[in-house]
Amino acid sequence: MTPDMAFECLLVSQDPAVVCPLNEVLDRLSISTKVCLTPSKAIGELDFASTDLVVIDWTDDSSSGELLSRIYHSDFVHKKTIVAVTEHDSYIRGTHVVLSKPITTESGEKCLRSVYDRMLIDYRQHARYAVMIPVIATNQDNRLLPVTITNVGDGGMGLSAKEGLSRGDVLSFRLTLPDTRRSIYVEARVLWTRDYGVCGCQFVRVPPVDLDILHEWLKAKCQVKKPSLPRDHISDIGRDSAGKHSSLTPRSS
């Protein structure tokens, strides 16, 4: 994301009939957009940009496929959502959404709004927010362990500990997040460990009241720039799969 917390899109096309309506919709969705005329130039942009969304005006030659392969075989920090714009209303392996030509502002809005909602859900589920909070945790053997919580997300947290932790260990503790009204109770299982006592944990149990506090805190942290498109003009997630101009397709394995 950009510093002002807007999603970033790389729009790969040299066709004004594609670029103009999609650029308008992307702007209204508060998605920062860079236009590349060719897939080869887009590969260079991917090396430098923290792109969230790639829209490819699909061509019959090998260049579009090479760009798609480059995306999947590169060690990017986060996954990218890929939209293919085609003259054929058919699924393209490796893409997430297909948008059929000819493109209108209406069809582009229906497709990209659904894409935006999926990206937002994915971002909120996987985002981690840095903290540095020391706590005393109790493991499954009732041993007290000093640990430091280093980041918190929707489904888990990262921590560091001087005493060795192992995969599968379950820790329980009370955690006071910054600017919250009280501490919350957390049970978390260690999913992975690294050198120097760094661990990744998955939440096992958070009481409902405490979970509400956690979600409120995460929502306040997740300040994604809001679209200017009215909600009542936009279809719900997944509804576009039955539309004429766009179809949601499953993520390839």
Protein backbone atom coordinates (compact mmCIF):
# COMPACT_ATOMS: atom_id res chain seq x y z
CA MET A 1 0.00 0.00 0.00
CA THR A 2 0.94 3.63 -0.46
CA PRO A 3 1.77 5.79 2.58
CA ASP A 4 -1.79 7.14 2.62
CA MET A 5 -3.04 3.53 2.84
CA ALA A 6 -4.53 3.19 -0.63
CA PHE A 7 -4.26 -0.07 -2.55
CA GLU A 8 -1.90 0.06 -5.54
CA CYS A 9 -2.80 -1.22 -9.02
CA LEU A 10 -0.68 -1.91 -12.07
CA LEU A 11 -2.88 -1.56 -15.17
CA VAL A 12 -1.25 -3.24 -18.18
CA SER A 13 -2.80 -2.04 -21.43
CA GLN A 14 -2.26 0.33 -24.34
CA ASP A 15 -5.91 0.32 -25.37
CA PRO A 16 -7.77 3.55 -24.45
CA ALA A 17 -11.04 1.61 -24.45
CA VAL A 18 -9.62 -0.40 -21.53
CA VAL A 19 -7.50 2.19 -19.75
CA CYS A 20 -10.00 5.07 -19.65
CA PRO A 21 -13.02 3.38 -18.02
CA LEU A 22 -10.91 1.30 -15.62
CA ASN A 23 -8.75 4.24 -14.62
CA GLU A 24 -11.91 6.17 -13.76
CA VAL A 25 -13.27 3.35 -11.63
CA LEU A 26 -9.94 2.70 -9.90
CA ASP A 27 -9.70 6.38 -9.00
CA ARG A 28 -13.19 6.34 -7.52
CA LEU A 29 -12.20 3.27 -5.50
CA SER A 30 -9.23 5.27 -4.14
CA ILE A 31 -6.84 2.74 -5.69
CA SER A 32 -3.55 4.29 -6.76
CA THR A 33 -2.91 3.27 -10.39
CA LYS A 34 0.12 3.10 -12.65
CA VAL A 35 -0.42 2.31 -16.33
CA CYS A 36 2.10 0.18 -18.23
CA LEU A 37 1.71 -0.16 -21.97
CA THR A 38 3.24 -3.63 -22.30
CA PRO A 39 3.68 -6.74 -20.12
CA SER A 40 7.47 -6.50 -20.46
CA LYS A 41 7.48 -3.02 -18.93
CA ALA A 42 5.10 -4.22 -16.24
CA ILE A 43 7.60 -6.88 -15.15
CA GLY A 44 10.08 -4.12 -14.40
CA GLU A 45 7.50 -2.22 -12.36
CA LEU A 46 6.70 -5.30 -10.31
CA ASP A 47 10.31 -5.47 -9.20
CA PHE A 48 10.02 -2.10 -7.47
CA ALA A 49 6.37 -1.50 -6.56
CA SER A 50 4.38 -2.96 -3.68
CA THR A 51 1.51 -3.70 -6.04
CA ASP A 52 -1.72 -5.13 -4.62
CA LEU A 53 -3.70 -5.49 -7.87
CA VAL A 54 -2.58 -6.28 -11.42
CA VAL A 55 -5.04 -5.76 -14.30
CA ILE A 56 -3.79 -7.33 -17.55
CA ASP A 57 -5.29 -6.59 -20.94
CA TRP A 58 -4.79 -10.17 -22.09
CA THR A 59 -3.18 -10.80 -25.46
CA ASP A 60 -2.97 -13.98 -27.52
CA ASP A 61 0.84 -13.87 -27.70
CA SER A 62 3.05 -15.18 -24.88
CA SER A 63 3.74 -11.81 -23.21
CA SER A 64 0.70 -11.83 -20.91
CA GLY A 65 1.43 -15.38 -19.83
CA GLU A 66 5.06 -14.46 -19.11
CA LEU A 67 3.94 -11.60 -16.89
CA LEU A 68 1.58 -13.91 -15.01
CA SER A 69 4.36 -16.47 -14.56
CA ARG A 70 6.71 -13.77 -13.31
CA ILE A 71 4.20 -12.72 -10.66
CA TYR A 72 3.76 -16.25 -9.33
CA HIS A 73 7.44 -17.19 -9.35
CA SER A 74 8.73 -14.04 -7.66
CA ASP A 75 9.33 -13.71 -3.95
CA PHE A 76 6.90 -10.88 -3.32
CA VAL A 77 6.10 -9.90 0.24
CA HIS A 78 2.35 -10.21 -0.27
CA LYS A 79 0.04 -11.83 -2.76
CA LYS A 80 -1.37 -9.87 -5.67
CA THR A 81 -4.90 -10.03 -7.02
CA ILE A 82 -4.90 -10.53 -10.78
CA VAL A 83 -7.65 -9.44 -13.18
CA ALA A 84 -7.59 -10.47 -16.85
CA VAL A 85 -9.41 -8.31 -19.40
CA THR A 86 -10.34 -10.45 -22.40
CA GLU A 87 -12.50 -10.61 -25.49
CA HIS A 88 -13.51 -14.12 -24.45
CA ASP A 89 -15.70 -14.71 -21.40
CA SER A 90 -13.62 -17.65 -20.16
CA TYR A 91 -11.41 -18.40 -17.18
CA ILE A 92 -7.66 -17.86 -17.54
CA ARG A 93 -5.64 -20.12 -15.29
CA GLY A 94 -3.74 -18.19 -12.64
CA THR A 95 -6.03 -15.17 -12.62
CA HIS A 96 -8.65 -14.43 -10.00
CA VAL A 97 -11.20 -12.44 -11.99
CA VAL A 98 -12.07 -12.16 -15.69
CA LEU A 99 -13.56 -8.96 -17.11
CA SER A 100 -14.99 -9.25 -20.62
CA LYS A 101 -14.74 -6.65 -23.36
CA PRO A 102 -16.19 -4.28 -24.36
CA ILE A 103 -15.71 -2.50 -21.05
CA THR A 104 -18.06 0.16 -19.78
CA THR A 105 -17.76 2.18 -16.60
CA GLU A 106 -20.67 0.16 -15.21
CA SER A 107 -19.16 -3.26 -15.96
CA GLY A 108 -15.74 -2.12 -14.72
CA GLU A 109 -17.31 -0.81 -11.51
CA LYS A 110 -19.13 -4.08 -10.82
CA CYS A 111 -16.00 -6.13 -11.35
CA LEU A 112 -13.47 -3.95 -9.56
CA ARG A 113 -15.71 -3.21 -6.60
CA SER A 114 -15.99 -6.94 -5.96
CA VAL A 115 -12.21 -7.24 -6.35
CA TYR A 116 -11.73 -4.34 -3.91
CA ASP A 117 -13.93 -5.99 -1.29
CA ARG A 118 -11.98 -9.24 -1.59
CA MET A 119 -8.67 -7.39 -1.28
CA LEU A 120 -9.91 -5.49 1.77
CA ILE A 121 -11.02 -8.68 3.53
CA ASP A 122 -7.71 -10.36 2.73
CA TYR A 123 -5.76 -7.34 3.92
CA ARG A 124 -7.60 -7.17 7.24
CA GLN A 125 -7.16 -10.91 7.81
CA HIS A 126 -3.42 -10.92 7.17
CA ALA A 127 -2.27 -7.47 8.31
CA ARG A 128 -0.01 -7.40 11.37
CA TYR A 129 0.47 -4.31 13.53
CA ALA A 130 3.74 -3.81 15.34
CA VAL A 131 3.75 -3.49 19.11
CA MET A 132 6.31 -4.11 21.84
CA ILE A 133 4.42 -5.36 24.89
CA PRO A 134 6.05 -7.52 27.61
CA VAL A 135 3.73 -10.03 29.31
CA ILE A 136 4.03 -13.01 31.62
CA ALA A 137 2.58 -16.05 29.87
CA THR A 138 1.60 -19.44 31.28
CA ASN A 139 2.29 -22.48 29.12
CA GLN A 140 0.44 -25.80 29.00
CA ASP A 141 2.59 -27.09 31.89
CA ASN A 142 1.69 -24.09 34.07
CA ARG A 143 5.18 -22.63 33.75
CA LEU A 144 5.49 -18.86 33.84
CA LEU A 145 7.41 -17.44 30.86
CA PRO A 146 8.30 -13.80 30.17
CA VAL A 147 7.58 -13.03 26.50
CA THR A 148 7.29 -9.89 24.40
CA ILE A 149 4.41 -9.47 21.95
CA THR A 150 5.86 -7.97 18.76
CA ASN A 151 2.84 -7.82 16.44
CA VAL A 152 -0.90 -8.49 16.52
CA GLY A 153 -3.35 -9.41 13.77
CA ASP A 154 -6.83 -10.80 13.27
CA GLY A 155 -5.90 -14.46 13.72
CA GLY A 156 -2.70 -14.43 15.71
CA MET A 157 0.43 -12.64 16.83
CA GLY A 158 4.18 -12.67 16.80
CA LEU A 159 6.29 -12.78 19.94
CA SER A 160 9.81 -13.22 21.17
CA ALA A 161 10.98 -15.17 24.20
CA LYS A 162 14.34 -15.72 25.89
CA GLU A 163 13.32 -19.21 26.95
CA GLY A 164 12.92 -21.65 24.09
CA LEU A 165 9.40 -22.32 22.84
CA SER A 166 8.40 -25.23 20.63
CA ARG A 167 5.83 -25.63 17.92
CA GLY A 168 2.54 -26.66 19.51
CA ASP A 169 3.13 -24.92 22.84
CA VAL A 170 0.01 -23.15 24.13
CA LEU A 171 0.43 -19.87 25.99
CA SER A 172 -2.16 -17.92 27.96
CA PHE A 173 -1.80 -14.36 29.19
CA ARG A 174 -3.50 -11.00 29.58
CA LEU A 175 -2.60 -8.37 27.02
CA THR A 176 -3.20 -4.63 27.20
CA LEU A 177 -3.23 -3.14 23.72
CA PRO A 178 -2.43 0.57 23.31
CA ASP A 179 -5.41 2.90 23.82
CA THR A 180 -7.84 0.13 24.84
CA ARG A 181 -10.12 0.30 27.85
CA ARG A 182 -8.79 -2.84 29.54
CA SER A 183 -6.64 -5.91 29.05
CA ILE A 184 -7.83 -8.93 27.09
CA TYR A 185 -7.32 -12.62 27.79
CA VAL A 186 -5.58 -14.61 25.08
CA GLU A 187 -4.74 -18.27 24.53
CA ALA A 188 -2.40 -18.81 21.58
CA ARG A 189 -0.65 -21.80 20.04
CA VAL A 190 2.90 -21.56 18.67
CA LEU A 191 2.81 -22.37 14.93
CA TRP A 192 6.45 -21.75 14.07
CA THR A 193 9.72 -20.72 15.66
CA ARG A 194 12.88 -19.04 14.37
CA ASP A 195 16.31 -18.31 15.75
CA TYR A 196 16.68 -15.85 18.61
CA GLY A 197 13.34 -16.86 20.17
CA VAL A 198 11.06 -15.38 17.51
CA CYS A 199 7.70 -17.19 17.22
CA GLY A 200 4.45 -16.98 15.31
CA CYS A 201 1.23 -17.87 17.14
CA GLN A 202 -2.38 -18.59 16.25
CA PHE A 203 -5.22 -17.58 18.55
CA VAL A 204 -6.83 -20.61 20.21
CA ARG A 205 -9.27 -18.78 22.46
CA VAL A 206 -10.22 -15.18 23.10
CA PRO A 207 -13.43 -14.60 25.12
CA PRO A 208 -16.21 -12.86 23.12
CA VAL A 209 -16.03 -9.56 25.04
CA ASP A 210 -12.25 -9.47 24.69
CA LEU A 211 -12.53 -10.40 21.01
CA ASP A 212 -14.72 -7.33 20.48
CA ILE A 213 -12.00 -5.16 22.03
CA LEU A 214 -9.38 -6.77 19.78
CA HIS A 215 -11.50 -6.24 16.66
CA GLU A 216 -12.17 -2.61 17.57
CA TRP A 217 -8.43 -2.04 18.01
CA LEU A 218 -7.61 -3.71 14.69
CA LYS A 219 -10.33 -1.75 12.89
CA ALA A 220 -8.89 1.53 14.20
CA LYS A 221 -5.45 0.47 12.94
CA CYS A 222 -6.70 -0.57 9.49
CA GLN A 223 -7.16 2.90 7.98
CA VAL A 224 -7.53 2.01 4.31
CA LYS A 225 -8.53 4.98 2.14
CA LYS A 226 -12.26 4.72 1.50
CA PRO A 227 -13.77 4.61 -1.99
CA SER A 228 -15.98 7.40 -3.26
CA LEU A 229 -18.37 4.90 -4.91
CA PRO A 230 -21.73 4.76 -3.11
CA ARG A 231 -22.39 1.39 -1.51
CA ASP A 232 -25.92 1.18 -2.95
CA HIS A 233 -24.48 1.29 -6.48
CA ILE A 234 -22.23 -1.69 -5.85
CA SER A 235 -23.03 -5.39 -5.82
CA ASP A 236 -22.13 -7.65 -2.92
CA ILE A 237 -19.10 -9.88 -2.92
CA GLY A 238 -19.60 -12.86 -5.21
CA ARG A 239 -22.74 -11.53 -6.88
CA ASP A 240 -20.73 -10.46 -9.93
CA SER A 241 -20.11 -14.11 -10.81
CA ALA A 242 -23.53 -14.16 -12.44
CA GLY A 243 -23.05 -10.84 -14.24
CA LYS A 244 -22.74 -10.38 -17.96
CA HIS A 245 -19.43 -8.55 -18.04
CA SER A 246 -17.45 -10.01 -15.14
CA SER A 247 -17.01 -13.37 -13.52
CA LEU A 248 -15.31 -14.28 -10.27
CA THR A 249 -13.07 -17.28 -10.66
CA PRO A 250 -11.41 -19.38 -7.96
CA ARG A 251 -7.80 -18.86 -7.00
CA SER A 252 -5.68 -21.45 -8.77
CA SER A 253 -3.68 -23.90 -6.74
